[in-house]
Amino acid sequence: MKRILLVDDAATVRMYHRNILEAAHYLVEEAVNGIEGLEKALHQPYDLYIVDINMPKLDGYGFLRQLRGEPLVHAPAIMISTESQANDRVLAYRAGANDYLVKPVTPAQLLMHVRLLMGEGGQ
């Protein structure tokens, strides 16, 4: 079973994404900020990261920059945020994101992007 780490400070957003992903048979773990996410990612491998931008302690950009600087096998990352300006997308990719989605995302949209990044096709 593929493992996904959700890094988002909003409990309702984590619950929404978790329900969609678990219904599609993914193992989901959560972190409430970038520091907790980094600790979990360094402790055990994940197949995908889903990351918010605006979080306390360490934001999504900082989380991805630090994660990408670690000597480990790098899983793809989707940044999902309410930030919708073109510059936000550029900053996300520069930080190490592989994909960028604007909230709110539909279940079909989320699953399509997750499956594509994990090499499972988009259906």
PDB file of N, CA and C in Angstrom:
ATOM      1  N   MET A   1       0.855  -1.176   0.000  1.00  0.00           N
ATOM      2  CA  MET A   1       0.000   0.000   0.000  1.00  0.00           C
ATOM      3  C   MET A   1       0.903   1.241   0.000  1.00  0.00           C
ATOM      4  N   LYS A   2       0.624   2.180  -0.881  1.00  0.00           N
ATOM      5  CA  LYS A   2       1.449   3.382  -1.000  1.00  0.00           C
ATOM      6  C   LYS A   2       1.132   4.355   0.132  1.00  0.00           C
ATOM      7  N   ARG A   3       2.199   5.015   0.614  1.00  0.00           N
ATOM      8  CA  ARG A   3       2.110   5.902   1.773  1.00  0.00           C
ATOM      9  C   ARG A   3       2.177   7.363   1.347  1.00  0.00           C
ATOM     10  N   ILE A   4       1.247   8.149   1.893  1.00  0.00           N
ATOM     11  CA  ILE A   4       1.173   9.576   1.588  1.00  0.00           C
ATOM     12  C   ILE A   4       1.239  10.359   2.896  1.00  0.00           C
ATOM     13  N   LEU A   5       2.039  11.426   2.906  1.00  0.00           N
ATOM     14  CA  LEU A   5       2.083  12.320   4.050  1.00  0.00           C
ATOM     15  C   LEU A   5       1.387  13.629   3.685  1.00  0.00           C
ATOM     16  N   LEU A   6       0.332  13.966   4.450  1.00  0.00           N
ATOM     17  CA  LEU A   6      -0.385  15.232   4.302  1.00  0.00           C
ATOM     18  C   LEU A   6       0.217  16.229   5.279  1.00  0.00           C
ATOM     19  N   VAL A   7       0.681  17.359   4.773  1.00  0.00           N
ATOM     20  CA  VAL A   7       1.263  18.387   5.634  1.00  0.00           C
ATOM     21  C   VAL A   7       0.408  19.645   5.473  1.00  0.00           C
ATOM     22  N   ASP A   8      -0.460  19.900   6.465  1.00  0.00           N
ATOM     23  CA  ASP A   8      -1.387  21.031   6.404  1.00  0.00           C
ATOM     24  C   ASP A   8      -1.812  21.364   7.826  1.00  0.00           C
ATOM     25  N   ASP A   9      -1.864  22.640   8.164  1.00  0.00           N
ATOM     26  CA  ASP A   9      -2.246  23.030   9.518  1.00  0.00           C
ATOM     27  C   ASP A   9      -3.751  23.000   9.752  1.00  0.00           C
ATOM     28  N   ALA A  10      -4.553  22.920   8.719  1.00  0.00           N
ATOM     29  CA  ALA A  10      -6.014  22.922   8.855  1.00  0.00           C
ATOM     30  C   ALA A  10      -6.545  21.496   8.994  1.00  0.00           C
ATOM     31  N   ALA A  11      -7.114  21.205  10.151  1.00  0.00           N
ATOM     32  CA  ALA A  11      -7.621  19.858  10.432  1.00  0.00           C
ATOM     33  C   ALA A  11      -8.708  19.443   9.440  1.00  0.00           C
ATOM     34  N   THR A  12      -9.579  20.372   9.053  1.00  0.00           N
ATOM     35  CA  THR A  12     -10.667  20.013   8.131  1.00  0.00           C
ATOM     36  C   THR A  12     -10.119  19.663   6.749  1.00  0.00           C
ATOM     37  N   VAL A  13      -9.085  20.359   6.308  1.00  0.00           N
ATOM     38  CA  VAL A  13      -8.474  20.062   5.014  1.00  0.00           C
ATOM     39  C   VAL A  13      -7.792  18.698   5.067  1.00  0.00           C
ATOM     40  N   ARG A  14      -7.070  18.430   6.158  1.00  0.00           N
ATOM     41  CA  ARG A  14      -6.426  17.114   6.294  1.00  0.00           C
ATOM     42  C   ARG A  14      -7.464  15.996   6.285  1.00  0.00           C
ATOM     43  N   MET A  15      -8.565  16.197   7.002  1.00  0.00           N
ATOM     44  CA  MET A  15      -9.612  15.176   7.058  1.00  0.00           C
ATOM     45  C   MET A  15     -10.239  14.957   5.677  1.00  0.00           C
ATOM     46  N   TYR A  16     -10.504  16.037   4.953  1.00  0.00           N
ATOM     47  CA  TYR A  16     -11.076  15.947   3.610  1.00  0.00           C
ATOM     48  C   TYR A  16     -10.159  15.152   2.679  1.00  0.00           C
ATOM     49  N   HIS A  17      -8.879  15.526   2.649  1.00  0.00           N
ATOM     50  CA  HIS A  17      -7.924  14.824   1.780  1.00  0.00           C
ATOM     51  C   HIS A  17      -7.719  13.391   2.234  1.00  0.00           C
ATOM     52  N   ARG A  18      -7.637  13.164   3.538  1.00  0.00           N
ATOM     53  CA  ARG A  18      -7.460  11.804   4.072  1.00  0.00           C
ATOM     54  C   ARG A  18      -8.606  10.892   3.643  1.00  0.00           C
ATOM     55  N   ASN A  19      -9.839  11.380   3.767  1.00  0.00           N
ATOM     56  CA  ASN A  19     -11.005  10.563   3.390  1.00  0.00           C
ATOM     57  C   ASN A  19     -10.958  10.170   1.913  1.00  0.00           C
ATOM     58  N   ILE A  20     -10.596  11.102   1.057  1.00  0.00           N
ATOM     59  CA  ILE A  20     -10.503  10.810  -0.383  1.00  0.00           C
ATOM     60  C   ILE A  20      -9.418   9.771  -0.645  1.00  0.00           C
ATOM     61  N   LEU A  21      -8.261   9.975  -0.054  1.00  0.00           N
ATOM     62  CA  LEU A  21      -7.112   9.103  -0.318  1.00  0.00           C
ATOM     63  C   LEU A  21      -7.279   7.717   0.296  1.00  0.00           C
ATOM     64  N   GLU A  22      -7.817   7.651   1.498  1.00  0.00           N
ATOM     65  CA  GLU A  22      -8.026   6.333   2.117  1.00  0.00           C
ATOM     66  C   GLU A  22      -9.101   5.540   1.378  1.00  0.00           C
ATOM     67  N   ALA A  23     -10.113   6.217   0.858  1.00  0.00           N
ATOM     68  CA  ALA A  23     -11.136   5.529   0.062  1.00  0.00           C
ATOM     69  C   ALA A  23     -10.537   4.941  -1.206  1.00  0.00           C
ATOM     70  N   ALA A  24      -9.415   5.532  -1.677  1.00  0.00           N
ATOM     71  CA  ALA A  24      -8.714   5.028  -2.860  1.00  0.00           C
ATOM     72  C   ALA A  24      -7.589   4.064  -2.468  1.00  0.00           C
ATOM     73  N   HIS A  25      -7.585   3.638  -1.208  1.00  0.00           N
ATOM     74  CA  HIS A  25      -6.669   2.607  -0.692  1.00  0.00           C
ATOM     75  C   HIS A  25      -5.222   3.059  -0.545  1.00  0.00           C
ATOM     76  N   TYR A  26      -5.025   4.304  -0.142  1.00  0.00           N
ATOM     77  CA  TYR A  26      -3.690   4.786   0.198  1.00  0.00           C
ATOM     78  C   TYR A  26      -3.583   4.831   1.719  1.00  0.00           C
ATOM     79  N   LEU A  27      -2.384   4.605   2.230  1.00  0.00           N
ATOM     80  CA  LEU A  27      -2.105   4.760   3.646  1.00  0.00           C
ATOM     81  C   LEU A  27      -1.712   6.218   3.860  1.00  0.00           C
ATOM     82  N   VAL A  28      -2.431   6.913   4.723  1.00  0.00           N
ATOM     83  CA  VAL A  28      -2.244   8.357   4.890  1.00  0.00           C
ATOM     84  C   VAL A  28      -1.797   8.680   6.308  1.00  0.00           C
ATOM     85  N   GLU A  29      -0.770   9.505   6.409  1.00  0.00           N
ATOM     86  CA  GLU A  29      -0.346  10.049   7.694  1.00  0.00           C
ATOM     87  C   GLU A  29      -0.393  11.561   7.585  1.00  0.00           C
ATOM     88  N   GLU A  30      -0.437  12.233   8.736  1.00  0.00           N
ATOM     89  CA  GLU A  30      -0.613  13.678   8.762  1.00  0.00           C
ATOM     90  C   GLU A  30       0.475  14.369   9.564  1.00  0.00           C
ATOM     91  N   ALA A  31       0.735  15.621   9.193  1.00  0.00           N
ATOM     92  CA  ALA A  31       1.587  16.521   9.952  1.00  0.00           C
ATOM     93  C   ALA A  31       0.925  17.889   9.945  1.00  0.00           C
ATOM     94  N   VAL A  32       1.019  18.612  11.064  1.00  0.00           N
ATOM     95  CA  VAL A  32       0.308  19.893  11.187  1.00  0.00           C
ATOM     96  C   VAL A  32       1.155  21.092  10.768  1.00  0.00           C
ATOM     97  N   ASN A  33       2.436  20.872  10.495  1.00  0.00           N
ATOM     98  CA  ASN A  33       3.294  21.948   9.996  1.00  0.00           C
ATOM     99  C   ASN A  33       4.529  21.329   9.350  1.00  0.00           C
ATOM    100  N   GLY A  34       5.348  22.173   8.757  1.00  0.00           N
ATOM    101  CA  GLY A  34       6.517  21.672   8.049  1.00  0.00           C
ATOM    102  C   GLY A  34       7.539  20.997   8.938  1.00  0.00           C
ATOM    103  N   ILE A  35       7.680  21.460  10.174  1.00  0.00           N
ATOM    104  CA  ILE A  35       8.647  20.835  11.084  1.00  0.00           C
ATOM    105  C   ILE A  35       8.231  19.404  11.400  1.00  0.00           C
ATOM    106  N   GLU A  36       6.968  19.215  11.758  1.00  0.00           N
ATOM    107  CA  GLU A  36       6.478  17.859  12.039  1.00  0.00           C
ATOM    108  C   GLU A  36       6.563  16.988  10.784  1.00  0.00           C
ATOM    109  N   GLY A  37       6.236  17.573   9.632  1.00  0.00           N
ATOM    110  CA  GLY A  37       6.320  16.831   8.378  1.00  0.00           C
ATOM    111  C   GLY A  37       7.741  16.387   8.087  1.00  0.00           C
ATOM    112  N   LEU A  38       8.700  17.266   8.317  1.00  0.00           N
ATOM    113  CA  LEU A  38      10.104  16.939   8.075  1.00  0.00           C
ATOM    114  C   LEU A  38      10.570  15.830   9.017  1.00  0.00           C
ATOM    115  N   GLU A  39      10.187  15.906  10.276  1.00  0.00           N
ATOM    116  CA  GLU A  39      10.549  14.856  11.236  1.00  0.00           C
ATOM    117  C   GLU A  39      10.020  13.497  10.780  1.00  0.00           C
ATOM    118  N   LYS A  40       8.775  13.467  10.342  1.00  0.00           N
ATOM    119  CA  LYS A  40       8.173  12.205   9.890  1.00  0.00           C
ATOM    120  C   LYS A  40       8.850  11.709   8.615  1.00  0.00           C
ATOM    121  N   ALA A  41       9.116  12.617   7.675  1.00  0.00           N
ATOM    122  CA  ALA A  41       9.725  12.227   6.401  1.00  0.00           C
ATOM    123  C   ALA A  41      11.144  11.688   6.593  1.00  0.00           C
ATOM    124  N   LEU A  42      11.856  12.213   7.567  1.00  0.00           N
ATOM    125  CA  LEU A  42      13.219  11.741   7.820  1.00  0.00           C
ATOM    126  C   LEU A  42      13.231  10.428   8.594  1.00  0.00           C
ATOM    127  N   HIS A  43      12.129  10.134   9.264  1.00  0.00           N
ATOM    128  CA  HIS A  43      12.024   8.900  10.056  1.00  0.00           C
ATOM    129  C   HIS A  43      11.602   7.694   9.212  1.00  0.00           C
ATOM    130  N   GLN A  44      10.768   7.916   8.206  1.00  0.00           N
ATOM    131  CA  GLN A  44      10.275   6.818   7.370  1.00  0.00           C
ATOM    132  C   GLN A  44       9.957   7.330   5.971  1.00  0.00           C
ATOM    133  N   PRO A  45      10.097   6.483   4.967  1.00  0.00           N
ATOM    134  CA  PRO A  45       9.859   6.938   3.583  1.00  0.00           C
ATOM    135  C   PRO A  45       8.364   7.027   3.244  1.00  0.00           C
ATOM    136  N   TYR A  46       8.063   7.964   2.363  1.00  0.00           N
ATOM    137  CA  TYR A  46       6.710   8.109   1.835  1.00  0.00           C
ATOM    138  C   TYR A  46       6.785   8.049   0.317  1.00  0.00           C
ATOM    139  N   ASP A  47       5.665   7.704  -0.301  1.00  0.00           N
ATOM    140  CA  ASP A  47       5.599   7.637  -1.760  1.00  0.00           C
ATOM    141  C   ASP A  47       5.159   8.959  -2.374  1.00  0.00           C
ATOM    142  N   LEU A  48       4.566   9.829  -1.545  1.00  0.00           N
ATOM    143  CA  LEU A  48       4.066  11.116  -2.033  1.00  0.00           C
ATOM    144  C   LEU A  48       3.850  12.045  -0.843  1.00  0.00           C
ATOM    145  N   TYR A  49       4.085  13.342  -1.089  1.00  0.00           N
ATOM    146  CA  TYR A  49       3.805  14.377  -0.096  1.00  0.00           C
ATOM    147  C   TYR A  49       2.751  15.311  -0.672  1.00  0.00           C
ATOM    148  N   ILE A  50       1.771  15.666   0.151  1.00  0.00           N
ATOM    149  CA  ILE A  50       0.783  16.682  -0.211  1.00  0.00           C
ATOM    150  C   ILE A  50       0.944  17.793   0.816  1.00  0.00           C
ATOM    151  N   VAL A  51       1.310  18.988   0.334  1.00  0.00           N
ATOM    152  CA  VAL A  51       1.792  20.038   1.218  1.00  0.00           C
ATOM    153  C   VAL A  51       1.039  21.351   0.996  1.00  0.00           C
ATOM    154  N   ASP A  52       0.633  21.983   2.091  1.00  0.00           N
ATOM    155  CA  ASP A  52       0.057  23.319   2.066  1.00  0.00           C
ATOM    156  C   ASP A  52       1.203  24.335   2.074  1.00  0.00           C
ATOM    157  N   ILE A  53       0.944  25.551   1.633  1.00  0.00           N
ATOM    158  CA  ILE A  53       1.977  26.591   1.679  1.00  0.00           C
ATOM    159  C   ILE A  53       1.995  27.279   3.039  1.00  0.00           C
ATOM    160  N   ASN A  54       0.869  27.858   3.423  1.00  0.00           N
ATOM    161  CA  ASN A  54       0.824  28.703   4.622  1.00  0.00           C
ATOM    162  C   ASN A  54       0.569  27.879   5.874  1.00  0.00           C
ATOM    163  N   MET A  55       1.646  27.696   6.652  1.00  0.00           N
ATOM    164  CA  MET A  55       1.566  26.960   7.919  1.00  0.00           C
ATOM    165  C   MET A  55       2.482  27.639   8.927  1.00  0.00           C
ATOM    166  N   PRO A  56       2.161  27.503  10.216  1.00  0.00           N
ATOM    167  CA  PRO A  56       3.050  28.060  11.234  1.00  0.00           C
ATOM    168  C   PRO A  56       4.335  27.227  11.364  1.00  0.00           C
ATOM    169  N   LYS A  57       5.325  27.816  11.994  1.00  0.00           N
ATOM    170  CA  LYS A  57       6.619  27.200  12.299  1.00  0.00           C
ATOM    171  C   LYS A  57       7.492  26.990  11.069  1.00  0.00           C
ATOM    172  N   LEU A  58       7.009  26.250  10.075  1.00  0.00           N
ATOM    173  CA  LEU A  58       7.754  26.048   8.826  1.00  0.00           C
ATOM    174  C   LEU A  58       6.728  25.898   7.709  1.00  0.00           C
ATOM    175  N   ASP A  59       6.736  26.816   6.753  1.00  0.00           N
ATOM    176  CA  ASP A  59       5.741  26.767   5.683  1.00  0.00           C
ATOM    177  C   ASP A  59       6.072  25.678   4.656  1.00  0.00           C
ATOM    178  N   GLY A  60       5.195  25.522   3.696  1.00  0.00           N
ATOM    179  CA  GLY A  60       5.358  24.480   2.686  1.00  0.00           C
ATOM    180  C   GLY A  60       6.599  24.647   1.837  1.00  0.00           C
ATOM    181  N   TYR A  61       6.941  25.889   1.507  1.00  0.00           N
ATOM    182  CA  TYR A  61       8.159  26.136   0.727  1.00  0.00           C
ATOM    183  C   TYR A  61       9.387  25.674   1.508  1.00  0.00           C
ATOM    184  N   GLY A  62       9.459  26.068   2.775  1.00  0.00           N
ATOM    185  CA  GLY A  62      10.587  25.687   3.617  1.00  0.00           C
ATOM    186  C   GLY A  62      10.665  24.187   3.822  1.00  0.00           C
ATOM    187  N   PHE A  63       9.499  23.557   4.020  1.00  0.00           N
ATOM    188  CA  PHE A  63       9.460  22.105   4.179  1.00  0.00           C
ATOM    189  C   PHE A  63      10.063  21.416   2.963  1.00  0.00           C
ATOM    190  N   LEU A  64       9.608  21.804   1.767  1.00  0.00           N
ATOM    191  CA  LEU A  64      10.110  21.145   0.555  1.00  0.00           C
ATOM    192  C   LEU A  64      11.589  21.438   0.304  1.00  0.00           C
ATOM    193  N   ARG A  65      12.018  22.676   0.536  1.00  0.00           N
ATOM    194  CA  ARG A  65      13.441  22.995   0.350  1.00  0.00           C
ATOM    195  C   ARG A  65      14.311  22.144   1.273  1.00  0.00           C
ATOM    196  N   GLN A  66      13.920  22.038   2.538  1.00  0.00           N
ATOM    197  CA  GLN A  66      14.708  21.241   3.483  1.00  0.00           C
ATOM    198  C   GLN A  66      14.650  19.759   3.143  1.00  0.00           C
ATOM    199  N   LEU A  67      13.467  19.280   2.795  1.00  0.00           N
ATOM    200  CA  LEU A  67      13.316  17.867   2.437  1.00  0.00           C
ATOM    201  C   LEU A  67      14.168  17.523   1.223  1.00  0.00           C
ATOM    202  N   ARG A  68      14.135  18.368   0.200  1.00  0.00           N
ATOM    203  CA  ARG A  68      14.898  18.111  -1.022  1.00  0.00           C
ATOM    204  C   ARG A  68      16.405  18.200  -0.787  1.00  0.00           C
ATOM    205  N   GLY A  69      16.816  18.858   0.299  1.00  0.00           N
ATOM    206  CA  GLY A  69      18.231  18.955   0.623  1.00  0.00           C
ATOM    207  C   GLY A  69      18.764  17.759   1.400  1.00  0.00           C
ATOM    208  N   GLU A  70      17.880  16.860   1.792  1.00  0.00           N
ATOM    209  CA  GLU A  70      18.287  15.683   2.557  1.00  0.00           C
ATOM    210  C   GLU A  70      18.755  14.558   1.632  1.00  0.00           C
ATOM    211  N   PRO A  71      19.722  13.763   2.081  1.00  0.00           N
ATOM    212  CA  PRO A  71      20.223  12.648   1.266  1.00  0.00           C
ATOM    213  C   PRO A  71      19.323  11.411   1.398  1.00  0.00           C
ATOM    214  N   LEU A  72      18.176  11.459   0.760  1.00  0.00           N
ATOM    215  CA  LEU A  72      17.249  10.329   0.775  1.00  0.00           C
ATOM    216  C   LEU A  72      16.568  10.224  -0.581  1.00  0.00           C
ATOM    217  N   VAL A  73      15.881   9.126  -0.777  1.00  0.00           N
ATOM    218  CA  VAL A  73      15.140   8.947  -2.027  1.00  0.00           C
ATOM    219  C   VAL A  73      13.969   9.928  -2.009  1.00  0.00           C
ATOM    220  N   HIS A  74      13.874  10.728  -3.041  1.00  0.00           N
ATOM    221  CA  HIS A  74      12.865  11.781  -3.055  1.00  0.00           C
ATOM    222  C   HIS A  74      11.583  11.337  -3.743  1.00  0.00           C
ATOM    223  N   ALA A  75      10.498  11.401  -2.981  1.00  0.00           N
ATOM    224  CA  ALA A  75       9.175  11.110  -3.513  1.00  0.00           C
ATOM    225  C   ALA A  75       8.600  12.399  -4.095  1.00  0.00           C
ATOM    226  N   PRO A  76       7.664  12.289  -5.024  1.00  0.00           N
ATOM    227  CA  PRO A  76       7.043  13.490  -5.576  1.00  0.00           C
ATOM    228  C   PRO A  76       6.231  14.239  -4.523  1.00  0.00           C
ATOM    229  N   ALA A  77       6.017  15.521  -4.784  1.00  0.00           N
ATOM    230  CA  ALA A  77       5.250  16.361  -3.870  1.00  0.00           C
ATOM    231  C   ALA A  77       4.255  17.209  -4.650  1.00  0.00           C
ATOM    232  N   ILE A  78       3.040  17.267  -4.115  1.00  0.00           N
ATOM    233  CA  ILE A  78       2.002  18.144  -4.655  1.00  0.00           C
ATOM    234  C   ILE A  78       1.787  19.255  -3.647  1.00  0.00           C
ATOM    235  N   MET A  79       1.912  20.491  -4.086  1.00  0.00           N
ATOM    236  CA  MET A  79       1.598  21.607  -3.218  1.00  0.00           C
ATOM    237  C   MET A  79       0.163  22.008  -3.527  1.00  0.00           C
ATOM    238  N   ILE A  80      -0.653  22.077  -2.480  1.00  0.00           N
ATOM    239  CA  ILE A  80      -2.055  22.463  -2.623  1.00  0.00           C
ATOM    240  C   ILE A  80      -2.275  23.681  -1.746  1.00  0.00           C
ATOM    241  N   SER A  81      -2.735  24.779  -2.345  1.00  0.00           N
ATOM    242  CA  SER A  81      -2.852  26.025  -1.595  1.00  0.00           C
ATOM    243  C   SER A  81      -3.990  26.886  -2.120  1.00  0.00           C
ATOM    244  N   THR A  82      -4.385  27.844  -1.313  1.00  0.00           N
ATOM    245  CA  THR A  82      -5.357  28.840  -1.766  1.00  0.00           C
ATOM    246  C   THR A  82      -4.668  29.916  -2.591  1.00  0.00           C
ATOM    247  N   GLU A  83      -3.352  29.947  -2.555  1.00  0.00           N
ATOM    248  CA  GLU A  83      -2.580  30.936  -3.312  1.00  0.00           C
ATOM    249  C   GLU A  83      -2.670  30.584  -4.799  1.00  0.00           C
ATOM    250  N   SER A  84      -3.163  31.520  -5.609  1.00  0.00           N
ATOM    251  CA  SER A  84      -3.428  31.182  -7.012  1.00  0.00           C
ATOM    252  C   SER A  84      -2.688  32.063  -8.013  1.00  0.00           C
ATOM    253  N   GLN A  85      -1.775  32.878  -7.563  1.00  0.00           N
ATOM    254  CA  GLN A  85      -1.014  33.718  -8.477  1.00  0.00           C
ATOM    255  C   GLN A  85       0.063  32.895  -9.182  1.00  0.00           C
ATOM    256  N   ALA A  86       0.436  33.296 -10.364  1.00  0.00           N
ATOM    257  CA  ALA A  86       1.459  32.566 -11.123  1.00  0.00           C
ATOM    258  C   ALA A  86       2.768  32.474 -10.341  1.00  0.00           C
ATOM    259  N   ASN A  87       3.108  33.521  -9.615  1.00  0.00           N
ATOM    260  CA  ASN A  87       4.347  33.522  -8.839  1.00  0.00           C
ATOM    261  C   ASN A  87       4.336  32.456  -7.737  1.00  0.00           C
ATOM    262  N   ASP A  88       3.161  32.170  -7.160  1.00  0.00           N
ATOM    263  CA  ASP A  88       3.058  31.141  -6.127  1.00  0.00           C
ATOM    264  C   ASP A  88       3.437  29.775  -6.699  1.00  0.00           C
ATOM    265  N   ARG A  89       2.982  29.512  -7.896  1.00  0.00           N
ATOM    266  CA  ARG A  89       3.292  28.261  -8.581  1.00  0.00           C
ATOM    267  C   ARG A  89       4.801  28.172  -8.855  1.00  0.00           C
ATOM    268  N   VAL A  90       5.397  29.254  -9.324  1.00  0.00           N
ATOM    269  CA  VAL A  90       6.837  29.282  -9.602  1.00  0.00           C
ATOM    270  C   VAL A  90       7.627  29.025  -8.329  1.00  0.00           C
ATOM    271  N   LEU A  91       7.241  29.684  -7.230  1.00  0.00           N
ATOM    272  CA  LEU A  91       7.932  29.481  -5.955  1.00  0.00           C
ATOM    273  C   LEU A  91       7.808  28.036  -5.479  1.00  0.00           C
ATOM    274  N   ALA A  92       6.652  27.429  -5.696  1.00  0.00           N
ATOM    275  CA  ALA A  92       6.444  26.038  -5.294  1.00  0.00           C
ATOM    276  C   ALA A  92       7.376  25.101  -6.066  1.00  0.00           C
ATOM    277  N   TYR A  93       7.458  25.299  -7.369  1.00  0.00           N
ATOM    278  CA  TYR A  93       8.333  24.452  -8.176  1.00  0.00           C
ATOM    279  C   TYR A  93       9.799  24.660  -7.812  1.00  0.00           C
ATOM    280  N   ARG A  94      10.176  25.896  -7.541  1.00  0.00           N
ATOM    281  CA  ARG A  94      11.564  26.185  -7.135  1.00  0.00           C
ATOM    282  C   ARG A  94      11.897  25.529  -5.797  1.00  0.00           C
ATOM    283  N   ALA A  95      10.903  25.419  -4.916  1.00  0.00           N
ATOM    284  CA  ALA A  95      11.115  24.802  -3.606  1.00  0.00           C
ATOM    285  C   ALA A  95      11.216  23.287  -3.709  1.00  0.00           C
ATOM    286  N   GLY A  96      10.723  22.711  -4.823  1.00  0.00           N
ATOM    287  CA  GLY A  96      10.821  21.269  -5.000  1.00  0.00           C
ATOM    288  C   GLY A  96       9.519  20.546  -5.263  1.00  0.00           C
ATOM    289  N   ALA A  97       8.432  21.297  -5.476  1.00  0.00           N
ATOM    290  CA  ALA A  97       7.149  20.657  -5.787  1.00  0.00           C
ATOM    291  C   ALA A  97       7.178  20.090  -7.202  1.00  0.00           C
ATOM    292  N   ASN A  98       6.447  19.000  -7.403  1.00  0.00           N
ATOM    293  CA  ASN A  98       6.302  18.394  -8.720  1.00  0.00           C
ATOM    294  C   ASN A  98       4.985  18.775  -9.376  1.00  0.00           C
ATOM    295  N   ASP A  99       4.041  19.283  -8.567  1.00  0.00           N
ATOM    296  CA  ASP A  99       2.717  19.628  -9.059  1.00  0.00           C
ATOM    297  C   ASP A  99       2.151  20.702  -8.137  1.00  0.00           C
ATOM    298  N   TYR A 100       1.174  21.462  -8.641  1.00  0.00           N
ATOM    299  CA  TYR A 100       0.588  22.553  -7.861  1.00  0.00           C
ATOM    300  C   TYR A 100      -0.904  22.605  -8.137  1.00  0.00           C
ATOM    301  N   LEU A 101      -1.698  22.530  -7.084  1.00  0.00           N
ATOM    302  CA  LEU A 101      -3.149  22.608  -7.208  1.00  0.00           C
ATOM    303  C   LEU A 101      -3.671  23.743  -6.330  1.00  0.00           C
ATOM    304  N   VAL A 102      -4.748  24.387  -6.783  1.00  0.00           N
ATOM    305  CA  VAL A 102      -5.367  25.468  -6.022  1.00  0.00           C
ATOM    306  C   VAL A 102      -6.602  24.922  -5.314  1.00  0.00           C
ATOM    307  N   LYS A 103      -6.687  25.188  -4.007  1.00  0.00           N
ATOM    308  CA  LYS A 103      -7.853  24.779  -3.210  1.00  0.00           C
ATOM    309  C   LYS A 103      -9.053  25.614  -3.615  1.00  0.00           C
ATOM    310  N   PRO A 104     -10.220  25.037  -3.559  1.00  0.00           N
ATOM    311  CA  PRO A 104     -10.500  23.660  -3.192  1.00  0.00           C
ATOM    312  C   PRO A 104     -10.305  22.714  -4.379  1.00  0.00           C
ATOM    313  N   VAL A 105      -9.878  21.501  -4.087  1.00  0.00           N
ATOM    314  CA  VAL A 105      -9.715  20.502  -5.139  1.00  0.00           C
ATOM    315  C   VAL A 105     -10.841  19.478  -5.016  1.00  0.00           C
ATOM    316  N   THR A 106     -11.290  18.986  -6.146  1.00  0.00           N
ATOM    317  CA  THR A 106     -12.326  17.953  -6.132  1.00  0.00           C
ATOM    318  C   THR A 106     -11.663  16.600  -5.873  1.00  0.00           C
ATOM    319  N   PRO A 107     -12.417  15.640  -5.393  1.00  0.00           N
ATOM    320  CA  PRO A 107     -11.837  14.304  -5.204  1.00  0.00           C
ATOM    321  C   PRO A 107     -11.235  13.748  -6.495  1.00  0.00           C
ATOM    322  N   ALA A 108     -11.937  13.911  -7.619  1.00  0.00           N
ATOM    323  CA  ALA A 108     -11.429  13.387  -8.893  1.00  0.00           C
ATOM    324  C   ALA A 108     -10.123  14.081  -9.287  1.00  0.00           C
ATOM    325  N   GLN A 109     -10.055  15.376  -9.086  1.00  0.00           N
ATOM    326  CA  GLN A 109      -8.845  16.129  -9.420  1.00  0.00           C
ATOM    327  C   GLN A 109      -7.677  15.677  -8.551  1.00  0.00           C
ATOM    328  N   LEU A 110      -7.903  15.545  -7.251  1.00  0.00           N
ATOM    329  CA  LEU A 110      -6.841  15.121  -6.344  1.00  0.00           C
ATOM    330  C   LEU A 110      -6.333  13.731  -6.727  1.00  0.00           C
ATOM    331  N   LEU A 111      -7.243  12.802  -6.924  1.00  0.00           N
ATOM    332  CA  LEU A 111      -6.836  11.429  -7.244  1.00  0.00           C
ATOM    333  C   LEU A 111      -6.130  11.337  -8.589  1.00  0.00           C
ATOM    334  N   MET A 112      -6.554  12.118  -9.562  1.00  0.00           N
ATOM    335  CA  MET A 112      -5.885  12.092 -10.854  1.00  0.00           C
ATOM    336  C   MET A 112      -4.423  12.517 -10.712  1.00  0.00           C
ATOM    337  N   HIS A 113      -4.174  13.597  -9.990  1.00  0.00           N
ATOM    338  CA  HIS A 113      -2.809  14.089  -9.826  1.00  0.00           C
ATOM    339  C   HIS A 113      -1.962  13.140  -8.973  1.00  0.00           C
ATOM    340  N   VAL A 114      -2.564  12.590  -7.924  1.00  0.00           N
ATOM    341  CA  VAL A 114      -1.849  11.622  -7.076  1.00  0.00           C
ATOM    342  C   VAL A 114      -1.437  10.411  -7.901  1.00  0.00           C
ATOM    343  N   ARG A 115      -2.364   9.865  -8.640  1.00  0.00           N
ATOM    344  CA  ARG A 115      -2.084   8.654  -9.434  1.00  0.00           C
ATOM    345  C   ARG A 115      -1.040   8.913 -10.525  1.00  0.00           C
ATOM    346  N   LEU A 116      -1.124  10.062 -11.160  1.00  0.00           N
ATOM    347  CA  LEU A 116      -0.126  10.389 -12.194  1.00  0.00           C
ATOM    348  C   LEU A 116       1.266  10.491 -11.599  1.00  0.00           C
ATOM    349  N   LEU A 117       1.396  11.168 -10.476  1.00  0.00           N
ATOM    350  CA  LEU A 117       2.726  11.339  -9.876  1.00  0.00           C
ATOM    351  C   LEU A 117       3.291  10.041  -9.305  1.00  0.00           C
ATOM    352  N   MET A 118       2.423   9.112  -8.984  1.00  0.00           N
ATOM    353  CA  MET A 118       2.912   7.832  -8.471  1.00  0.00           C
ATOM    354  C   MET A 118       2.974   6.768  -9.564  1.00  0.00           C
ATOM    355  N   GLY A 119       2.837   7.206 -10.810  1.00  0.00           N
ATOM    356  CA  GLY A 119       3.002   6.282 -11.924  1.00  0.00           C
ATOM    357  C   GLY A 119       1.881   5.281 -12.081  1.00  0.00           C
ATOM    358  N   GLU A 120       0.686   5.649 -11.617  1.00  0.00           N
ATOM    359  CA  GLU A 120      -0.453   4.732 -11.685  1.00  0.00           C
ATOM    360  C   GLU A 120      -1.431   5.105 -12.775  1.00  0.00           C
ATOM    361  N   GLY A 121      -1.122   6.095 -13.577  1.00  0.00           N
ATOM    362  CA  GLY A 121      -2.066   6.561 -14.589  1.00  0.00           C
ATOM    363  C   GLY A 121      -3.084   7.480 -13.948  1.00  0.00           C
ATOM    364  N   GLY A 122      -3.805   8.206 -14.734  1.00  0.00           N
ATOM    365  CA  GLY A 122      -4.708   9.224 -14.212  1.00  0.00           C
ATOM    366  C   GLY A 122      -6.158   8.823 -14.079  1.00  0.00           C
ATOM    367  N   GLN A 123      -6.508   7.564 -14.324  1.00  0.00           N
ATOM    368  CA  GLN A 123      -7.921   7.205 -14.309  1.00  0.00           C
ATOM    369  C   GLN A 123      -8.486   7.137 -12.913  1.00  0.00           C
TER     370      GLN A 123
END
